[in-house]
Amino acid sequence: MSSLPQRLGLSAQWPRFWRDYGFDRSGGSAAEFALVLPVLSLLLFAIVQFGIAFNHYIELASGVAAASRELSVGRGSTTAYTNTITALNNAAPNLNSFSTPVTGQTFTVTVAGIACTSANQASTCHDAFAQGASAVVNATYPCNFNLIWLNLGSCTLSTSATQYIQ
């Protein structure tokens, strides 16, 4: 089978370069790949970043549920608040510690509608513990969407869990 320039009747008239390389298509796949690669890379990194954010949310929800369970059985304990934070940190090991929160990270504990904000208020929280009262744990955690060189913004993951005091 003859080449395209020969079929077009150009082989005798064209210089050697154009005859040999003018209709060569061997680099077409590489050129198409070079055009598609940035888009595919962004898509892949977006999937990875979403997976990381989703994993953080699952860990946060699991930690808050564990903290809420710990708080609900903490009636009679003077270290209920500290035990609650410890339960959250143990159930969410890949997140920054809630004992020393970072910017955008919050943790609130409410017993029967009374907010417990620190271990120093243990007596106030301790007085609110009554069987059947609600123990609510809320937490927020910051997340960022950075794709290679693009900053697509930030978000806040938040979850809450409620248990009844035993």
Protein backbone atom coordinates (compact mmCIF):
# COMPACT_ATOMS: atom_id res chain seq x y z
CA MET A 1 0.00 0.00 0.00
CA SER A 2 1.34 3.41 -0.85
CA SER A 3 1.66 6.34 1.52
CA LEU A 4 -0.79 9.21 1.53
CA PRO A 5 1.49 11.66 -0.36
CA GLN A 6 1.95 9.06 -3.09
CA ARG A 7 -1.78 8.45 -3.32
CA LEU A 8 -2.28 12.18 -3.65
CA GLY A 9 0.29 12.28 -6.41
CA LEU A 10 2.60 14.58 -4.46
CA SER A 11 5.61 12.35 -3.91
CA ALA A 12 7.65 13.64 -6.82
CA GLN A 13 6.88 17.28 -6.15
CA TRP A 14 7.32 17.46 -2.37
CA PRO A 15 10.70 17.85 -0.70
CA ARG A 16 12.02 14.82 1.15
CA PHE A 17 11.04 16.19 4.61
CA TRP A 18 7.39 16.59 3.70
CA ARG A 19 7.31 13.27 1.95
CA ASP A 20 8.79 11.44 4.93
CA TYR A 21 7.33 13.32 7.90
CA GLY A 22 4.51 15.52 6.72
CA PHE A 23 1.82 12.90 7.12
CA ASP A 24 3.36 10.93 9.98
CA ARG A 25 0.75 10.34 12.71
CA SER A 26 2.85 8.40 15.18
CA GLY A 27 2.80 11.19 17.84
CA GLY A 28 -0.95 11.80 17.77
CA SER A 29 -1.68 9.62 20.79
CA ALA A 30 1.01 11.32 22.85
CA ALA A 31 -0.37 14.75 21.95
CA GLU A 32 -3.91 13.72 22.89
CA PHE A 33 -2.65 12.26 26.16
CA ALA A 34 -0.82 15.52 26.92
CA LEU A 35 -4.07 17.44 26.44
CA VAL A 36 -6.19 15.09 28.56
CA LEU A 37 -3.66 14.45 31.37
CA PRO A 38 -4.27 17.71 33.33
CA VAL A 39 -8.02 17.15 33.36
CA LEU A 40 -7.67 13.53 34.47
CA SER A 41 -5.14 14.53 37.14
CA LEU A 42 -7.50 17.15 38.58
CA LEU A 43 -10.34 14.64 38.58
CA LEU A 44 -8.20 12.04 40.35
CA PHE A 45 -6.98 14.49 43.00
CA ALA A 46 -10.54 15.77 43.52
CA ILE A 47 -11.70 12.22 44.22
CA VAL A 48 -8.83 11.74 46.67
CA GLN A 49 -9.56 15.03 48.48
CA PHE A 50 -13.26 14.20 48.72
CA GLY A 51 -12.33 10.78 50.13
CA ILE A 52 -10.13 12.39 52.78
CA ALA A 53 -12.87 14.84 53.78
CA PHE A 54 -15.44 12.02 53.91
CA ASN A 55 -13.09 9.93 56.06
CA HIS A 56 -12.69 12.88 58.44
CA TYR A 57 -16.47 13.20 58.67
CA ILE A 58 -16.90 9.48 59.41
CA GLU A 59 -14.23 9.66 62.11
CA LEU A 60 -15.79 12.79 63.58
CA ALA A 61 -19.24 11.17 63.70
CA SER A 62 -17.81 8.02 65.27
CA GLY A 63 -15.88 10.04 67.83
CA VAL A 64 -18.88 12.15 68.77
CA ALA A 65 -21.03 9.03 69.15
CA ALA A 66 -18.41 7.44 71.42
CA ALA A 67 -18.12 10.65 73.43
CA SER A 68 -21.87 10.84 73.81
CA ARG A 69 -22.02 7.23 75.02
CA GLU A 70 -19.24 7.96 77.51
CA LEU A 71 -21.09 11.04 78.75
CA SER A 72 -24.38 9.16 79.12
CA VAL A 73 -22.86 6.63 81.50
CA GLY A 74 -20.85 9.28 83.38
CA ARG A 75 -23.48 9.95 86.06
CA GLY A 76 -21.75 10.09 89.39
CA SER A 77 -18.33 10.76 87.86
CA THR A 78 -16.49 13.98 88.60
CA THR A 79 -14.37 13.59 85.44
CA ALA A 80 -17.22 13.19 82.95
CA TYR A 81 -16.09 16.07 80.74
CA THR A 82 -12.48 14.88 80.60
CA ASN A 83 -13.61 11.29 79.95
CA THR A 84 -15.83 12.55 77.13
CA ILE A 85 -12.95 14.34 75.39
CA THR A 86 -10.73 11.28 75.86
CA ALA A 87 -13.40 9.06 74.29
CA LEU A 88 -13.66 11.42 71.29
CA ASN A 89 -9.88 11.53 70.81
CA ASN A 90 -9.60 7.73 71.07
CA ALA A 91 -12.43 7.12 68.59
CA ALA A 92 -11.05 9.62 66.05
CA PRO A 93 -7.28 9.03 66.09
CA ASN A 94 -6.58 10.58 62.67
CA LEU A 95 -8.09 13.95 63.58
CA ASN A 96 -6.32 16.67 65.53
CA SER A 97 -6.80 16.22 69.26
CA PHE A 98 -9.85 17.93 70.73
CA SER A 99 -7.92 18.44 73.97
CA THR A 100 -6.00 21.27 72.28
CA PRO A 101 -8.27 22.35 69.41
CA VAL A 102 -7.01 24.04 66.26
CA THR A 103 -8.69 26.94 64.45
CA GLY A 104 -12.19 25.99 63.35
CA GLN A 105 -12.38 22.98 65.66
CA THR A 106 -15.03 23.12 68.39
CA PHE A 107 -16.38 20.70 70.95
CA THR A 108 -19.40 21.32 73.17
CA VAL A 109 -21.03 19.18 75.80
CA THR A 110 -24.54 19.81 77.08
CA VAL A 111 -26.16 17.90 79.91
CA ALA A 112 -29.90 18.48 80.43
CA GLY A 113 -29.59 21.83 78.66
CA ILE A 114 -26.64 23.00 80.77
CA ALA A 115 -23.43 23.61 78.82
CA CYS A 116 -20.27 22.06 80.23
CA THR A 117 -17.32 23.96 78.82
CA SER A 118 -14.39 22.62 80.81
CA ALA A 119 -13.30 20.19 83.46
CA ASN A 120 -13.39 23.12 85.91
CA GLN A 121 -17.18 23.14 85.70
CA ALA A 122 -17.41 19.49 86.66
CA SER A 123 -19.55 20.28 89.71
CA THR A 124 -22.07 22.24 87.60
CA CYS A 125 -22.27 19.45 85.05
CA HIS A 126 -22.30 16.82 87.79
CA ASP A 127 -25.39 18.40 89.34
CA ALA A 128 -27.21 18.29 85.98
CA PHE A 129 -26.78 14.54 85.58
CA ALA A 130 -30.15 12.92 86.19
CA GLN A 131 -31.39 9.62 84.90
CA GLY A 132 -33.31 10.15 81.65
CA ALA A 133 -31.83 13.59 80.96
CA SER A 134 -30.21 14.16 77.59
CA ALA A 135 -26.46 14.26 77.08
CA VAL A 136 -25.58 16.08 73.85
CA VAL A 137 -22.13 16.24 72.27
CA ASN A 138 -21.48 18.58 69.31
CA ALA A 139 -18.23 18.86 67.38
CA THR A 140 -17.01 20.75 64.32
CA TYR A 141 -13.84 20.13 62.36
CA PRO A 142 -12.29 22.22 59.55
CA CYS A 143 -11.50 20.81 56.13
CA ASN A 144 -9.83 22.31 53.06
CA PHE A 145 -10.10 21.39 49.41
CA ASN A 146 -6.70 21.91 47.80
CA LEU A 147 -6.17 20.36 44.39
CA ILE A 148 -2.50 20.55 43.47
CA TRP A 149 -2.25 24.32 42.91
CA LEU A 150 -5.93 25.20 43.20
CA ASN A 151 -7.52 26.17 46.50
CA LEU A 152 -11.21 25.40 46.11
CA GLY A 153 -12.10 26.75 49.54
CA SER A 154 -12.74 25.37 52.94
CA CYS A 155 -15.61 23.69 54.68
CA THR A 156 -16.66 22.79 58.19
CA LEU A 157 -17.66 19.28 59.12
CA SER A 158 -20.12 19.18 62.00
CA THR A 159 -22.01 16.46 63.76
CA SER A 160 -23.99 15.92 66.92
CA ALA A 161 -25.01 12.94 69.03
CA THR A 162 -27.56 12.65 71.81
CA GLN A 163 -27.84 9.92 74.41
CA TYR A 164 -30.03 9.62 77.48
CA ILE A 165 -28.26 9.42 80.80
CA GLN A 166 -28.46 6.00 82.38
